[in-house]
Amino acid sequence: MRTLLLVWHSMTGGTRQMAEAAARGAEHGAEGEVRVRLLAAPEAGPGDVLGADGYVFATPENLAAMAGLMKDFFDRCYYPVLDRVNGRPYAALICAGSDGTNAARQIGRIATGWRLRAVAEPLILCTRAQTPEAILAPKTIPPEDLRRCEELGAALGAGLAMGIY
């Protein structure tokens, strides 16, 4: 059985909701043919990356960068898996206040180093949180945006199940 690994970090709940939606979509799209693993970034390690056939990386954009705990995940895993995951598919989910492109760019650069294959454009959802209070407040991702995350997960899960990726 093939495995899809979803690694995520969230401080206010938005990115967690996105990752969970993608996991639901992957389980549905794969119709039981793919094992879906949803791990918080501090829990994920090189063995998890090596044991997966595809990936979704989900992070908030904090101060125009990926979240520190996502960076920590990549720092811990980068060299132990280098040249051992070449060609595997991945997608990225970004929860941002206003932009998100720099966090997506950072994940893309790391994925390029790992020689992963992007199978979708980064999915960036903007919460429009701009004040300290709004930025730190718990987030609720609208249903239509969660459906987009589910669709991305379903496509990746189905592609792994059918051997496309």
N, C-alpha and C. Protein backbone atom coordinates (compact mmCIF):
# COMPACT_ATOMS: atom_id res chain seq x y z
N MET A 1 0.85 -1.18 0.00
CA MET A 1 0.00 0.00 0.00
C MET A 1 0.89 1.24 0.00
N ARG A 2 0.52 2.22 -0.79
CA ARG A 2 1.27 3.47 -0.86
C ARG A 2 0.85 4.38 0.29
N THR A 3 1.72 5.33 0.62
CA THR A 3 1.50 6.21 1.76
C THR A 3 1.61 7.67 1.35
N LEU A 4 0.66 8.48 1.80
CA LEU A 4 0.70 9.93 1.64
C LEU A 4 0.94 10.53 3.02
N LEU A 5 2.00 11.31 3.16
CA LEU A 5 2.34 11.95 4.42
C LEU A 5 1.97 13.43 4.35
N LEU A 6 1.18 13.88 5.31
CA LEU A 6 0.82 15.29 5.43
C LEU A 6 1.49 15.82 6.70
N VAL A 7 2.42 16.74 6.53
CA VAL A 7 3.13 17.34 7.66
C VAL A 7 2.63 18.77 7.78
N TRP A 8 2.26 19.17 9.00
CA TRP A 8 1.65 20.48 9.20
C TRP A 8 2.11 21.11 10.50
N HIS A 9 1.96 22.42 10.54
CA HIS A 9 2.10 23.18 11.79
C HIS A 9 1.05 24.28 11.78
N SER A 10 0.51 24.57 12.96
CA SER A 10 -0.51 25.62 13.08
C SER A 10 -0.46 26.20 14.48
N MET A 11 -0.49 27.52 14.55
CA MET A 11 -0.57 28.19 15.86
C MET A 11 -2.01 28.60 16.20
N THR A 12 -2.79 28.92 15.19
CA THR A 12 -4.13 29.44 15.44
C THR A 12 -5.24 28.55 14.87
N GLY A 13 -4.86 27.40 14.34
CA GLY A 13 -5.85 26.42 13.87
C GLY A 13 -6.15 26.44 12.39
N GLY A 14 -5.83 27.51 11.68
CA GLY A 14 -6.16 27.58 10.26
C GLY A 14 -5.45 26.53 9.43
N THR A 15 -4.15 26.43 9.60
CA THR A 15 -3.38 25.46 8.81
C THR A 15 -3.76 24.03 9.19
N ARG A 16 -4.04 23.81 10.48
CA ARG A 16 -4.48 22.47 10.90
C ARG A 16 -5.76 22.08 10.17
N GLN A 17 -6.71 23.00 10.08
CA GLN A 17 -7.96 22.72 9.38
C GLN A 17 -7.70 22.39 7.90
N MET A 18 -6.80 23.13 7.30
CA MET A 18 -6.46 22.89 5.90
C MET A 18 -5.85 21.50 5.72
N ALA A 19 -4.91 21.14 6.60
CA ALA A 19 -4.25 19.83 6.50
C ALA A 19 -5.25 18.70 6.74
N GLU A 20 -6.13 18.87 7.72
CA GLU A 20 -7.14 17.84 7.99
C GLU A 20 -8.08 17.68 6.80
N ALA A 21 -8.44 18.79 6.16
CA ALA A 21 -9.31 18.72 4.98
C ALA A 21 -8.60 17.98 3.85
N ALA A 22 -7.33 18.27 3.64
CA ALA A 22 -6.58 17.58 2.59
C ALA A 22 -6.49 16.09 2.91
N ALA A 23 -6.31 15.74 4.17
CA ALA A 23 -6.25 14.33 4.56
C ALA A 23 -7.58 13.63 4.29
N ARG A 24 -8.70 14.29 4.63
CA ARG A 24 -10.02 13.71 4.34
C ARG A 24 -10.18 13.49 2.84
N GLY A 25 -9.80 14.49 2.07
CA GLY A 25 -9.90 14.37 0.61
C GLY A 25 -9.05 13.23 0.08
N ALA A 26 -7.84 13.10 0.61
CA ALA A 26 -6.95 12.02 0.16
C ALA A 26 -7.54 10.66 0.47
N GLU A 27 -8.09 10.51 1.67
CA GLU A 27 -8.70 9.23 2.04
C GLU A 27 -9.87 8.90 1.12
N HIS A 28 -10.66 9.90 0.80
CA HIS A 28 -11.80 9.70 -0.10
C HIS A 28 -11.33 9.41 -1.52
N GLY A 29 -10.39 10.21 -2.00
CA GLY A 29 -9.91 10.06 -3.38
C GLY A 29 -9.17 8.75 -3.61
N ALA A 30 -8.50 8.26 -2.58
CA ALA A 30 -7.72 7.03 -2.72
C ALA A 30 -8.56 5.78 -2.53
N GLU A 31 -9.77 5.95 -2.02
CA GLU A 31 -10.70 4.84 -1.83
C GLU A 31 -10.06 3.63 -1.14
N GLY A 32 -9.34 3.89 -0.05
CA GLY A 32 -8.74 2.82 0.73
C GLY A 32 -7.47 2.23 0.15
N GLU A 33 -6.99 2.77 -0.95
CA GLU A 33 -5.79 2.23 -1.60
C GLU A 33 -4.51 2.91 -1.14
N VAL A 34 -4.63 3.99 -0.36
CA VAL A 34 -3.48 4.75 0.10
C VAL A 34 -3.62 5.00 1.60
N ARG A 35 -2.55 4.75 2.31
CA ARG A 35 -2.50 5.06 3.74
C ARG A 35 -2.20 6.55 3.87
N VAL A 36 -3.04 7.27 4.60
CA VAL A 36 -2.87 8.71 4.79
C VAL A 36 -2.39 8.95 6.22
N ARG A 37 -1.23 9.61 6.34
CA ARG A 37 -0.65 9.92 7.65
C ARG A 37 -0.60 11.42 7.83
N LEU A 38 -1.22 11.91 8.88
CA LEU A 38 -1.28 13.33 9.20
C LEU A 38 -0.44 13.54 10.46
N LEU A 39 0.71 14.22 10.32
CA LEU A 39 1.62 14.40 11.45
C LEU A 39 1.93 15.87 11.66
N ALA A 40 1.90 16.29 12.92
CA ALA A 40 2.37 17.62 13.26
C ALA A 40 3.88 17.67 13.02
N ALA A 41 4.37 18.81 12.59
CA ALA A 41 5.78 18.94 12.21
C ALA A 41 6.75 18.45 13.29
N PRO A 42 6.54 18.75 14.59
CA PRO A 42 7.50 18.26 15.59
C PRO A 42 7.54 16.74 15.72
N GLU A 43 6.46 16.07 15.29
CA GLU A 43 6.38 14.61 15.40
C GLU A 43 6.96 13.89 14.20
N ALA A 44 7.12 14.58 13.09
CA ALA A 44 7.56 13.96 11.84
C ALA A 44 9.08 13.97 11.76
N GLY A 45 9.63 12.88 11.23
CA GLY A 45 11.08 12.78 11.10
C GLY A 45 11.47 12.13 9.80
N PRO A 46 12.77 11.93 9.62
CA PRO A 46 13.26 11.35 8.36
C PRO A 46 12.63 10.00 8.02
N GLY A 47 12.40 9.15 9.00
CA GLY A 47 11.78 7.85 8.73
C GLY A 47 10.38 7.99 8.15
N ASP A 48 9.64 9.00 8.61
CA ASP A 48 8.30 9.25 8.07
C ASP A 48 8.38 9.69 6.63
N VAL A 49 9.34 10.55 6.32
CA VAL A 49 9.51 11.04 4.95
C VAL A 49 9.92 9.89 4.04
N LEU A 50 10.88 9.08 4.48
CA LEU A 50 11.33 7.95 3.66
C LEU A 50 10.23 6.91 3.48
N GLY A 51 9.34 6.78 4.45
CA GLY A 51 8.28 5.79 4.39
C GLY A 51 7.06 6.21 3.58
N ALA A 52 7.11 7.41 3.00
CA ALA A 52 5.96 7.91 2.25
C ALA A 52 6.26 7.96 0.76
N ASP A 53 5.20 7.87 -0.02
CA ASP A 53 5.31 7.91 -1.48
C ASP A 53 4.94 9.28 -2.05
N GLY A 54 4.33 10.13 -1.22
CA GLY A 54 3.94 11.47 -1.63
C GLY A 54 3.73 12.31 -0.38
N TYR A 55 3.66 13.64 -0.57
CA TYR A 55 3.66 14.55 0.57
C TYR A 55 2.74 15.75 0.34
N VAL A 56 2.18 16.23 1.46
CA VAL A 56 1.56 17.55 1.52
C VAL A 56 2.23 18.25 2.69
N PHE A 57 2.77 19.43 2.43
CA PHE A 57 3.39 20.25 3.47
C PHE A 57 2.49 21.45 3.72
N ALA A 58 2.05 21.63 4.98
CA ALA A 58 1.09 22.68 5.31
C ALA A 58 1.66 23.56 6.42
N THR A 59 1.71 24.86 6.15
CA THR A 59 2.28 25.79 7.11
C THR A 59 1.60 27.14 7.05
N PRO A 60 1.58 27.84 8.18
CA PRO A 60 1.20 29.25 8.10
C PRO A 60 2.41 30.04 7.59
N GLU A 61 2.14 31.21 7.06
CA GLU A 61 3.23 32.11 6.76
C GLU A 61 3.32 33.07 7.94
N ASN A 62 4.47 33.04 8.60
CA ASN A 62 4.73 33.91 9.75
C ASN A 62 5.87 34.86 9.40
N LEU A 63 5.61 36.14 9.48
CA LEU A 63 6.64 37.15 9.20
C LEU A 63 7.28 36.92 7.84
N ALA A 64 6.45 36.65 6.86
CA ALA A 64 6.86 36.45 5.46
C ALA A 64 7.74 35.21 5.27
N ALA A 65 7.54 34.19 6.10
CA ALA A 65 8.32 32.96 5.98
C ALA A 65 7.47 31.78 6.46
N MET A 66 7.91 30.57 6.12
CA MET A 66 7.22 29.41 6.66
C MET A 66 7.40 29.41 8.18
N ALA A 67 6.51 28.76 8.88
CA ALA A 67 6.57 28.70 10.34
C ALA A 67 7.87 28.03 10.79
N GLY A 68 8.38 28.48 11.92
CA GLY A 68 9.62 27.95 12.45
C GLY A 68 9.61 26.45 12.68
N LEU A 69 8.50 25.89 13.15
CA LEU A 69 8.46 24.45 13.38
C LEU A 69 8.44 23.65 12.08
N MET A 70 7.90 24.24 11.00
CA MET A 70 8.01 23.58 9.68
C MET A 70 9.46 23.62 9.22
N LYS A 71 10.11 24.77 9.42
CA LYS A 71 11.53 24.89 9.06
C LYS A 71 12.34 23.88 9.86
N ASP A 72 12.03 23.71 11.14
CA ASP A 72 12.71 22.72 11.97
C ASP A 72 12.53 21.31 11.40
N PHE A 73 11.30 20.99 10.97
CA PHE A 73 11.06 19.68 10.35
C PHE A 73 11.97 19.49 9.15
N PHE A 74 12.02 20.48 8.26
CA PHE A 74 12.88 20.36 7.08
C PHE A 74 14.36 20.31 7.47
N ASP A 75 14.75 21.09 8.46
CA ASP A 75 16.15 21.06 8.92
C ASP A 75 16.54 19.67 9.43
N ARG A 76 15.65 19.03 10.19
CA ARG A 76 15.94 17.70 10.75
C ARG A 76 15.94 16.60 9.70
N CYS A 77 15.15 16.80 8.65
CA CYS A 77 14.95 15.74 7.67
C CYS A 77 15.77 15.91 6.39
N TYR A 78 16.19 17.11 6.09
CA TYR A 78 16.75 17.39 4.77
C TYR A 78 17.88 16.45 4.38
N TYR A 79 18.96 16.44 5.13
CA TYR A 79 20.11 15.63 4.73
C TYR A 79 19.90 14.13 4.90
N PRO A 80 19.19 13.67 5.94
CA PRO A 80 18.98 12.22 6.04
C PRO A 80 18.18 11.61 4.88
N VAL A 81 17.37 12.41 4.17
CA VAL A 81 16.58 11.84 3.06
C VAL A 81 17.06 12.32 1.69
N LEU A 82 18.06 13.20 1.66
CA LEU A 82 18.55 13.74 0.40
C LEU A 82 18.96 12.62 -0.55
N ASP A 83 18.51 12.72 -1.78
CA ASP A 83 18.76 11.73 -2.85
C ASP A 83 18.08 10.38 -2.60
N ARG A 84 17.12 10.35 -1.67
CA ARG A 84 16.41 9.10 -1.39
C ARG A 84 14.91 9.23 -1.65
N VAL A 85 14.45 10.43 -2.03
CA VAL A 85 13.02 10.64 -2.29
C VAL A 85 12.80 11.28 -3.67
N ASN A 86 13.81 11.25 -4.48
CA ASN A 86 13.75 11.90 -5.80
C ASN A 86 12.51 11.47 -6.59
N GLY A 87 11.85 12.46 -7.19
CA GLY A 87 10.72 12.20 -8.08
C GLY A 87 9.38 12.01 -7.41
N ARG A 88 9.34 11.95 -6.10
CA ARG A 88 8.06 11.75 -5.42
C ARG A 88 7.22 13.02 -5.51
N PRO A 89 5.89 12.88 -5.54
CA PRO A 89 5.01 14.05 -5.68
C PRO A 89 4.79 14.77 -4.36
N TYR A 90 4.55 16.07 -4.49
CA TYR A 90 4.20 16.85 -3.30
C TYR A 90 3.29 18.01 -3.69
N ALA A 91 2.64 18.55 -2.66
CA ALA A 91 1.86 19.77 -2.78
C ALA A 91 2.03 20.56 -1.49
N ALA A 92 1.75 21.85 -1.55
CA ALA A 92 1.91 22.71 -0.38
C ALA A 92 0.61 23.47 -0.10
N LEU A 93 0.31 23.62 1.19
CA LEU A 93 -0.82 24.40 1.67
C LEU A 93 -0.26 25.51 2.56
N ILE A 94 -0.68 26.75 2.30
CA ILE A 94 -0.19 27.88 3.07
C ILE A 94 -1.39 28.67 3.59
N CYS A 95 -1.40 28.95 4.89
CA CYS A 95 -2.40 29.81 5.50
C CYS A 95 -1.69 31.13 5.82
N ALA A 96 -2.12 32.21 5.17
CA ALA A 96 -1.42 33.48 5.30
C ALA A 96 -2.39 34.59 5.66
N GLY A 97 -1.83 35.65 6.24
CA GLY A 97 -2.65 36.82 6.53
C GLY A 97 -2.94 37.62 5.29
N SER A 98 -1.93 37.77 4.42
CA SER A 98 -2.16 38.60 3.25
C SER A 98 -1.46 38.13 1.98
N ASP A 99 -0.44 37.28 2.09
CA ASP A 99 0.32 36.96 0.87
C ASP A 99 0.59 35.47 0.75
N GLY A 100 1.53 34.94 1.49
CA GLY A 100 1.82 33.51 1.47
C GLY A 100 2.84 33.06 0.46
N THR A 101 3.19 33.92 -0.49
CA THR A 101 4.06 33.45 -1.58
C THR A 101 5.47 33.13 -1.12
N ASN A 102 5.98 33.83 -0.11
CA ASN A 102 7.35 33.54 0.32
C ASN A 102 7.43 32.18 1.02
N ALA A 103 6.44 31.84 1.83
CA ALA A 103 6.43 30.51 2.45
C ALA A 103 6.34 29.43 1.38
N ALA A 104 5.50 29.65 0.37
CA ALA A 104 5.39 28.69 -0.73
C ALA A 104 6.72 28.59 -1.47
N ARG A 105 7.38 29.71 -1.68
CA ARG A 105 8.67 29.71 -2.36
C ARG A 105 9.71 28.93 -1.55
N GLN A 106 9.72 29.10 -0.23
CA GLN A 106 10.66 28.38 0.61
C GLN A 106 10.43 26.86 0.52
N ILE A 107 9.19 26.44 0.60
CA ILE A 107 8.90 25.01 0.48
C ILE A 107 9.32 24.52 -0.90
N GLY A 108 9.03 25.30 -1.92
CA GLY A 108 9.43 24.92 -3.28
C GLY A 108 10.93 24.75 -3.42
N ARG A 109 11.70 25.62 -2.79
CA ARG A 109 13.17 25.51 -2.87
C ARG A 109 13.66 24.24 -2.18
N ILE A 110 13.08 23.93 -1.03
CA ILE A 110 13.46 22.71 -0.32
C ILE A 110 13.06 21.49 -1.14
N ALA A 111 11.85 21.50 -1.68
CA ALA A 111 11.39 20.38 -2.51
C ALA A 111 12.26 20.21 -3.75
N THR A 112 12.73 21.31 -4.32
CA THR A 112 13.65 21.22 -5.46
C THR A 112 14.94 20.53 -5.05
N GLY A 113 15.45 20.87 -3.88
CA GLY A 113 16.66 20.21 -3.39
C GLY A 113 16.47 18.72 -3.16
N TRP A 114 15.28 18.36 -2.69
CA TRP A 114 14.95 16.94 -2.50
C TRP A 114 14.58 16.29 -3.83
N ARG A 115 14.47 17.07 -4.88
CA ARG A 115 14.08 16.60 -6.21
C ARG A 115 12.68 16.00 -6.23
N LEU A 116 11.79 16.63 -5.41
CA LEU A 116 10.39 16.23 -5.42
C LEU A 116 9.72 16.86 -6.64
N ARG A 117 8.57 16.33 -6.98
CA ARG A 117 7.82 16.81 -8.14
C ARG A 117 6.53 17.48 -7.68
N ALA A 118 6.41 18.77 -7.92
CA ALA A 118 5.17 19.48 -7.58
C ALA A 118 4.06 19.00 -8.50
N VAL A 119 2.94 18.60 -7.91
CA VAL A 119 1.82 18.12 -8.72
C VAL A 119 0.66 19.11 -8.70
N ALA A 120 0.84 20.23 -8.02
CA ALA A 120 -0.17 21.29 -7.99
C ALA A 120 0.53 22.58 -7.59
N GLU A 121 -0.04 23.68 -7.99
CA GLU A 121 0.44 24.98 -7.51
C GLU A 121 0.18 25.05 -6.01
N PRO A 122 1.01 25.76 -5.26
CA PRO A 122 0.73 25.91 -3.82
C PRO A 122 -0.66 26.50 -3.61
N LEU A 123 -1.38 25.95 -2.68
CA LEU A 123 -2.71 26.45 -2.34
C LEU A 123 -2.55 27.42 -1.17
N ILE A 124 -2.70 28.69 -1.45
CA ILE A 124 -2.53 29.75 -0.46
C ILE A 124 -3.90 30.32 -0.12
N LEU A 125 -4.26 30.24 1.16
CA LEU A 125 -5.51 30.83 1.64
C LEU A 125 -5.16 32.03 2.52
N CYS A 126 -5.71 33.17 2.19
CA CYS A 126 -5.44 34.40 2.94
C CYS A 126 -6.58 34.70 3.89
N THR A 127 -6.24 34.85 5.16
CA THR A 127 -7.25 35.14 6.20
C THR A 127 -7.50 36.62 6.34
N ARG A 128 -6.66 37.47 5.76
CA ARG A 128 -6.74 38.93 5.85
C ARG A 128 -6.52 39.45 7.27
N ALA A 129 -5.94 38.62 8.13
CA ALA A 129 -5.62 39.06 9.49
C ALA A 129 -4.43 40.02 9.43
N GLN A 130 -4.62 41.25 9.92
CA GLN A 130 -3.58 42.27 9.81
C GLN A 130 -3.19 42.91 11.14
N THR A 131 -4.02 42.83 12.14
CA THR A 131 -3.68 43.42 13.44
C THR A 131 -3.12 42.31 14.33
N PRO A 132 -2.34 42.66 15.36
CA PRO A 132 -1.84 41.62 16.27
C PRO A 132 -2.96 40.76 16.84
N GLU A 133 -4.08 41.38 17.17
CA GLU A 133 -5.20 40.62 17.74
C GLU A 133 -5.78 39.64 16.72
N ALA A 134 -5.96 40.10 15.50
CA ALA A 134 -6.51 39.23 14.45
C ALA A 134 -5.52 38.13 14.06
N ILE A 135 -4.26 38.46 14.03
CA ILE A 135 -3.24 37.46 13.66
C ILE A 135 -3.19 36.35 14.70
N LEU A 136 -3.29 36.69 15.96
CA LEU A 136 -3.17 35.70 17.04
C LEU A 136 -4.49 35.01 17.37
N ALA A 137 -5.60 35.47 16.82
CA ALA A 137 -6.91 34.89 17.12
C ALA A 137 -7.07 33.52 16.46
N PRO A 138 -7.82 32.63 17.09
CA PRO A 138 -8.11 31.35 16.45
C PRO A 138 -8.78 31.58 15.09
N LYS A 139 -8.43 30.75 14.13
CA LYS A 139 -8.95 30.89 12.76
C LYS A 139 -10.02 29.84 12.47
N THR A 140 -10.96 30.24 11.65
CA THR A 140 -11.94 29.31 11.10
C THR A 140 -11.88 29.47 9.59
N ILE A 141 -11.46 28.42 8.90
CA ILE A 141 -11.35 28.46 7.45
C ILE A 141 -12.73 28.22 6.85
N PRO A 142 -13.18 29.08 5.93
CA PRO A 142 -14.51 28.92 5.33
C PRO A 142 -14.65 27.59 4.60
N PRO A 143 -15.87 27.04 4.60
CA PRO A 143 -16.11 25.74 3.96
C PRO A 143 -15.64 25.67 2.50
N GLU A 144 -15.84 26.75 1.73
CA GLU A 144 -15.43 26.70 0.32
C GLU A 144 -13.91 26.57 0.18
N ASP A 145 -13.16 27.16 1.12
CA ASP A 145 -11.71 27.02 1.08
C ASP A 145 -11.28 25.63 1.55
N LEU A 146 -11.97 25.09 2.54
CA LEU A 146 -11.67 23.73 2.98
C LEU A 146 -11.95 22.73 1.85
N ARG A 147 -12.97 22.98 1.05
CA ARG A 147 -13.25 22.11 -0.10
C ARG A 147 -12.08 22.12 -1.09
N ARG A 148 -11.47 23.28 -1.27
CA ARG A 148 -10.29 23.35 -2.16
C ARG A 148 -9.16 22.49 -1.62
N CYS A 149 -8.98 22.51 -0.30
CA CYS A 149 -7.95 21.66 0.33
C CYS A 149 -8.30 20.18 0.16
N GLU A 150 -9.58 19.85 0.35
CA GLU A 150 -10.02 18.46 0.15
C GLU A 150 -9.79 18.01 -1.28
N GLU A 151 -10.07 18.88 -2.23
CA GLU A 151 -9.87 18.54 -3.64
C GLU A 151 -8.41 18.28 -3.95
N LEU A 152 -7.52 19.10 -3.40
CA LEU A 152 -6.10 18.87 -3.61
C LEU A 152 -5.69 17.52 -3.03
N GLY A 153 -6.14 17.25 -1.80
CA GLY A 153 -5.84 15.96 -1.17
C GLY A 153 -6.41 14.80 -1.95
N ALA A 154 -7.63 14.95 -2.46
CA ALA A 154 -8.26 13.87 -3.24
C ALA A 154 -7.48 13.60 -4.52
N ALA A 155 -7.04 14.65 -5.18
CA ALA A 155 -6.27 14.47 -6.41
C ALA A 155 -4.95 13.76 -6.13
N LEU A 156 -4.27 14.16 -5.08
CA LEU A 156 -3.00 13.51 -4.74
C LEU A 156 -3.21 12.07 -4.32
N GLY A 157 -4.24 11.83 -3.50
CA GLY A 157 -4.54 10.46 -3.07
C GLY A 157 -4.92 9.57 -4.26
N ALA A 158 -5.76 10.07 -5.14
CA ALA A 158 -6.17 9.29 -6.30
C ALA A 158 -4.99 9.02 -7.22
N GLY A 159 -4.15 10.04 -7.41
CA GLY A 159 -2.97 9.85 -8.27
C GLY A 159 -2.03 8.80 -7.72
N LEU A 160 -1.84 8.77 -6.41
CA LEU A 160 -0.99 7.73 -5.80
C LEU A 160 -1.66 6.37 -5.95
N ALA A 161 -2.97 6.31 -5.69
CA ALA A 161 -3.69 5.03 -5.77
C ALA A 161 -3.64 4.45 -7.18
N MET A 162 -3.73 5.31 -8.21
CA MET A 162 -3.74 4.84 -9.59
C MET A 162 -2.35 4.66 -10.18
N GLY A 163 -1.32 5.01 -9.39
CA GLY A 163 0.05 4.86 -9.90
C GLY A 163 0.48 5.96 -10.85
N ILE A 164 -0.28 7.05 -10.90
CA ILE A 164 0.10 8.19 -11.75
C ILE A 164 1.34 8.85 -11.17
N TYR A 165 1.42 8.90 -9.85
CA TYR A 165 2.59 9.49 -9.18
C TYR A 165 3.43 8.39 -8.57
